[in-house]
C-alpha cells in the first residue's frame, strides 16, 4: 500500500512541476508577443479538454455500475 502512495505522490509532483513550468512558459511567450490573454486562453483550453475527457470517461458503459462484493 505504501508503494502505491509513493508512486501516486511522485506522479502528482511531476504533473504539478510540468504544469507550473508550462504556465510560466506561456506567460513568458505572452509577454514577449504582446498577447496578455494567452496564458488564460491556454489554461481555459486545458480545463475544457479535461472536463470533456472526464465527461467521456463517465459515459463509458459500466462506469460505477459494478457493485462491490459484500462478504457473506
N, C-alpha and C. Protein backbone atom coordinates (compact mmCIF):
# COMPACT_ATOMS: atom_id res chain seq x y z
N UNK A 1 0.83 -1.18 0.00
CA UNK A 1 0.00 0.00 0.00
C UNK A 1 0.88 1.26 0.00
N UNK A 2 1.95 1.25 0.75
CA UNK A 2 2.81 2.43 0.82
C UNK A 2 3.45 2.73 -0.53
N UNK A 3 3.79 1.69 -1.28
CA UNK A 3 4.39 1.89 -2.60
C UNK A 3 3.40 2.59 -3.53
N UNK A 4 2.12 2.22 -3.41
CA UNK A 4 1.09 2.84 -4.24
C UNK A 4 1.04 4.35 -3.97
N UNK A 5 1.06 4.73 -2.72
CA UNK A 5 1.01 6.16 -2.37
C UNK A 5 2.28 6.88 -2.80
N UNK A 6 3.41 6.22 -2.73
CA UNK A 6 4.66 6.82 -3.17
C UNK A 6 4.66 7.10 -4.66
N UNK A 7 4.17 6.15 -5.45
CA UNK A 7 4.09 6.33 -6.90
C UNK A 7 3.09 7.44 -7.23
N UNK A 8 1.96 7.43 -6.54
CA UNK A 8 0.95 8.46 -6.77
C UNK A 8 1.52 9.85 -6.46
N UNK A 9 2.21 9.98 -5.35
CA UNK A 9 2.79 11.27 -4.97
C UNK A 9 3.85 11.72 -5.97
N UNK A 10 4.64 10.79 -6.47
CA UNK A 10 5.67 11.13 -7.45
C UNK A 10 5.04 11.61 -8.75
N UNK A 11 4.04 10.91 -9.24
CA UNK A 11 3.38 11.29 -10.48
C UNK A 11 2.68 12.63 -10.32
N UNK A 12 2.03 12.84 -9.19
CA UNK A 12 1.35 14.11 -8.93
C UNK A 12 2.36 15.25 -8.87
N UNK A 13 3.49 15.03 -8.20
CA UNK A 13 4.53 16.05 -8.13
C UNK A 13 5.08 16.41 -9.49
N UNK A 14 5.27 15.40 -10.33
CA UNK A 14 5.75 15.66 -11.69
C UNK A 14 4.72 16.45 -12.50
N UNK A 15 3.45 16.10 -12.33
CA UNK A 15 2.39 16.83 -13.03
C UNK A 15 2.32 18.28 -12.61
N UNK A 16 2.46 18.52 -11.33
CA UNK A 16 2.45 19.90 -10.83
C UNK A 16 3.65 20.67 -11.37
N UNK A 17 4.81 20.02 -11.40
CA UNK A 17 6.02 20.68 -11.91
C UNK A 17 5.86 21.03 -13.39
N UNK A 18 5.40 20.08 -14.19
CA UNK A 18 5.23 20.32 -15.62
C UNK A 18 4.17 21.40 -15.86
N UNK A 19 3.09 21.36 -15.09
CA UNK A 19 2.04 22.36 -15.24
C UNK A 19 2.52 23.76 -14.90
N UNK A 20 3.28 23.87 -13.82
CA UNK A 20 3.80 25.18 -13.43
C UNK A 20 4.80 25.70 -14.45
N UNK A 21 5.69 24.84 -14.93
CA UNK A 21 6.64 25.27 -15.95
C UNK A 21 5.93 25.65 -17.25
N UNK A 22 4.91 24.90 -17.62
CA UNK A 22 4.15 25.21 -18.84
C UNK A 22 3.43 26.54 -18.73
N UNK A 23 2.80 26.79 -17.58
CA UNK A 23 2.10 28.06 -17.39
C UNK A 23 3.10 29.22 -17.38
N UNK A 24 4.26 29.02 -16.79
CA UNK A 24 5.28 30.06 -16.80
C UNK A 24 5.80 30.34 -18.20
N UNK A 25 5.99 29.28 -18.98
CA UNK A 25 6.45 29.45 -20.36
C UNK A 25 5.39 30.19 -21.19
N UNK A 26 4.12 29.83 -20.98
CA UNK A 26 3.04 30.54 -21.68
C UNK A 26 3.03 32.02 -21.30
N UNK A 27 3.26 32.29 -20.03
CA UNK A 27 3.30 33.68 -19.57
C UNK A 27 4.45 34.44 -20.22
N UNK A 28 5.61 33.80 -20.32
CA UNK A 28 6.75 34.44 -20.98
C UNK A 28 6.47 34.71 -22.45
N UNK A 29 5.89 33.74 -23.14
CA UNK A 29 5.56 33.91 -24.56
C UNK A 29 4.53 35.03 -24.72
N UNK A 30 3.55 35.07 -23.82
CA UNK A 30 2.53 36.11 -23.90
C UNK A 30 3.14 37.50 -23.71
N UNK A 31 4.06 37.60 -22.77
CA UNK A 31 4.71 38.88 -22.52
C UNK A 31 5.56 39.31 -23.72
N UNK A 32 6.29 38.37 -24.28
CA UNK A 32 7.17 38.68 -25.41
C UNK A 32 6.38 39.02 -26.68
N UNK A 33 5.23 38.37 -26.85
CA UNK A 33 4.47 38.58 -28.09
C UNK A 33 3.42 39.69 -27.97
N UNK A 34 3.22 40.19 -26.76
CA UNK A 34 2.23 41.25 -26.58
C UNK A 34 0.80 40.77 -26.54
N UNK A 35 0.60 39.49 -26.21
CA UNK A 35 -0.75 38.92 -26.10
C UNK A 35 -0.97 38.50 -24.63
N UNK A 36 -1.41 39.42 -23.78
CA UNK A 36 -1.52 39.10 -22.35
C UNK A 36 -2.57 38.05 -22.02
N UNK A 37 -3.50 37.78 -22.91
CA UNK A 37 -4.55 36.80 -22.64
C UNK A 37 -4.11 35.37 -22.94
N UNK A 38 -2.94 35.19 -23.53
CA UNK A 38 -2.50 33.86 -23.95
C UNK A 38 -2.47 32.83 -22.81
N UNK A 39 -1.92 33.13 -21.65
CA UNK A 39 -1.93 32.13 -20.58
C UNK A 39 -3.35 31.74 -20.16
N UNK A 40 -4.24 32.72 -20.11
CA UNK A 40 -5.62 32.42 -19.71
C UNK A 40 -6.33 31.58 -20.76
N UNK A 41 -6.07 31.85 -22.01
CA UNK A 41 -6.66 31.03 -23.07
C UNK A 41 -6.13 29.60 -23.02
N UNK A 42 -4.83 29.46 -22.78
CA UNK A 42 -4.24 28.13 -22.67
C UNK A 42 -4.78 27.35 -21.49
N UNK A 43 -4.87 28.00 -20.34
CA UNK A 43 -5.38 27.32 -19.14
C UNK A 43 -6.87 27.00 -19.26
N UNK A 44 -7.63 27.90 -19.89
CA UNK A 44 -9.05 27.63 -20.12
C UNK A 44 -9.23 26.44 -21.06
N UNK A 45 -8.43 26.40 -22.11
CA UNK A 45 -8.48 25.27 -23.05
C UNK A 45 -8.14 23.96 -22.34
N UNK A 46 -7.12 23.98 -21.52
CA UNK A 46 -6.76 22.77 -20.77
C UNK A 46 -7.89 22.32 -19.86
N UNK A 47 -8.53 23.25 -19.19
CA UNK A 47 -9.66 22.91 -18.32
C UNK A 47 -10.83 22.33 -19.08
N UNK A 48 -11.15 22.91 -20.24
CA UNK A 48 -12.25 22.41 -21.06
C UNK A 48 -11.95 21.02 -21.62
N UNK A 49 -10.72 20.80 -22.05
CA UNK A 49 -10.33 19.48 -22.56
C UNK A 49 -10.40 18.45 -21.42
N UNK A 50 -9.96 18.82 -20.24
CA UNK A 50 -10.03 17.91 -19.09
C UNK A 50 -11.48 17.58 -18.73
N UNK A 51 -12.34 18.59 -18.72
CA UNK A 51 -13.75 18.36 -18.41
C UNK A 51 -14.40 17.47 -19.47
N UNK A 52 -14.05 17.70 -20.73
CA UNK A 52 -14.59 16.86 -21.80
C UNK A 52 -14.13 15.42 -21.68
N UNK A 53 -12.87 15.23 -21.36
CA UNK A 53 -12.35 13.87 -21.16
C UNK A 53 -13.04 13.18 -19.99
N UNK A 54 -13.28 13.91 -18.92
CA UNK A 54 -13.97 13.32 -17.77
C UNK A 54 -15.41 12.96 -18.13
N UNK A 55 -16.08 13.83 -18.90
CA UNK A 55 -17.45 13.53 -19.33
C UNK A 55 -17.49 12.28 -20.20
N UNK A 56 -16.53 12.13 -21.08
CA UNK A 56 -16.47 10.94 -21.93
C UNK A 56 -16.19 9.70 -21.09
N UNK A 57 -15.29 9.83 -20.14
CA UNK A 57 -14.93 8.70 -19.28
C UNK A 57 -16.13 8.23 -18.47
N UNK A 58 -16.91 9.15 -17.93
CA UNK A 58 -18.04 8.75 -17.09
C UNK A 58 -19.23 8.26 -17.89
N UNK A 59 -19.26 8.51 -19.21
CA UNK A 59 -20.33 7.97 -20.05
C UNK A 59 -20.04 6.55 -20.49
N UNK A 60 -18.84 6.07 -20.27
CA UNK A 60 -18.47 4.73 -20.69
C UNK A 60 -19.36 3.70 -19.98
N UNK A 61 -19.94 2.74 -20.72
CA UNK A 61 -20.79 1.73 -20.08
C UNK A 61 -20.02 0.98 -18.98
N UNK A 62 -20.69 0.81 -17.89
CA UNK A 62 -20.09 0.08 -16.78
C UNK A 62 -19.39 0.96 -15.77
N UNK A 63 -19.28 2.25 -16.05
CA UNK A 63 -18.60 3.15 -15.12
C UNK A 63 -19.45 3.29 -13.85
N UNK A 64 -18.94 2.81 -12.76
CA UNK A 64 -19.62 2.96 -11.48
C UNK A 64 -20.84 2.07 -11.30
N UNK A 65 -21.06 1.10 -12.20
CA UNK A 65 -22.23 0.24 -12.06
C UNK A 65 -21.89 -1.12 -11.49
N UNK A 66 -20.61 -1.40 -11.34
CA UNK A 66 -20.22 -2.70 -10.79
C UNK A 66 -20.37 -2.65 -9.27
N UNK A 67 -21.26 -3.48 -8.73
CA UNK A 67 -21.45 -3.46 -7.28
C UNK A 67 -20.23 -4.03 -6.56
N UNK A 68 -19.99 -3.51 -5.39
CA UNK A 68 -18.89 -4.03 -4.58
C UNK A 68 -19.27 -5.38 -4.02
N UNK A 69 -18.30 -6.26 -3.91
CA UNK A 69 -18.55 -7.57 -3.33
C UNK A 69 -18.74 -7.42 -1.82
N UNK A 70 -19.82 -7.98 -1.33
CA UNK A 70 -20.11 -7.92 0.11
C UNK A 70 -19.88 -9.31 0.68
N UNK A 71 -18.98 -9.41 1.66
CA UNK A 71 -18.74 -10.74 2.24
C UNK A 71 -20.00 -11.28 2.92
N UNK A 72 -20.21 -12.57 2.78
CA UNK A 72 -21.40 -13.20 3.35
C UNK A 72 -21.28 -13.43 4.82
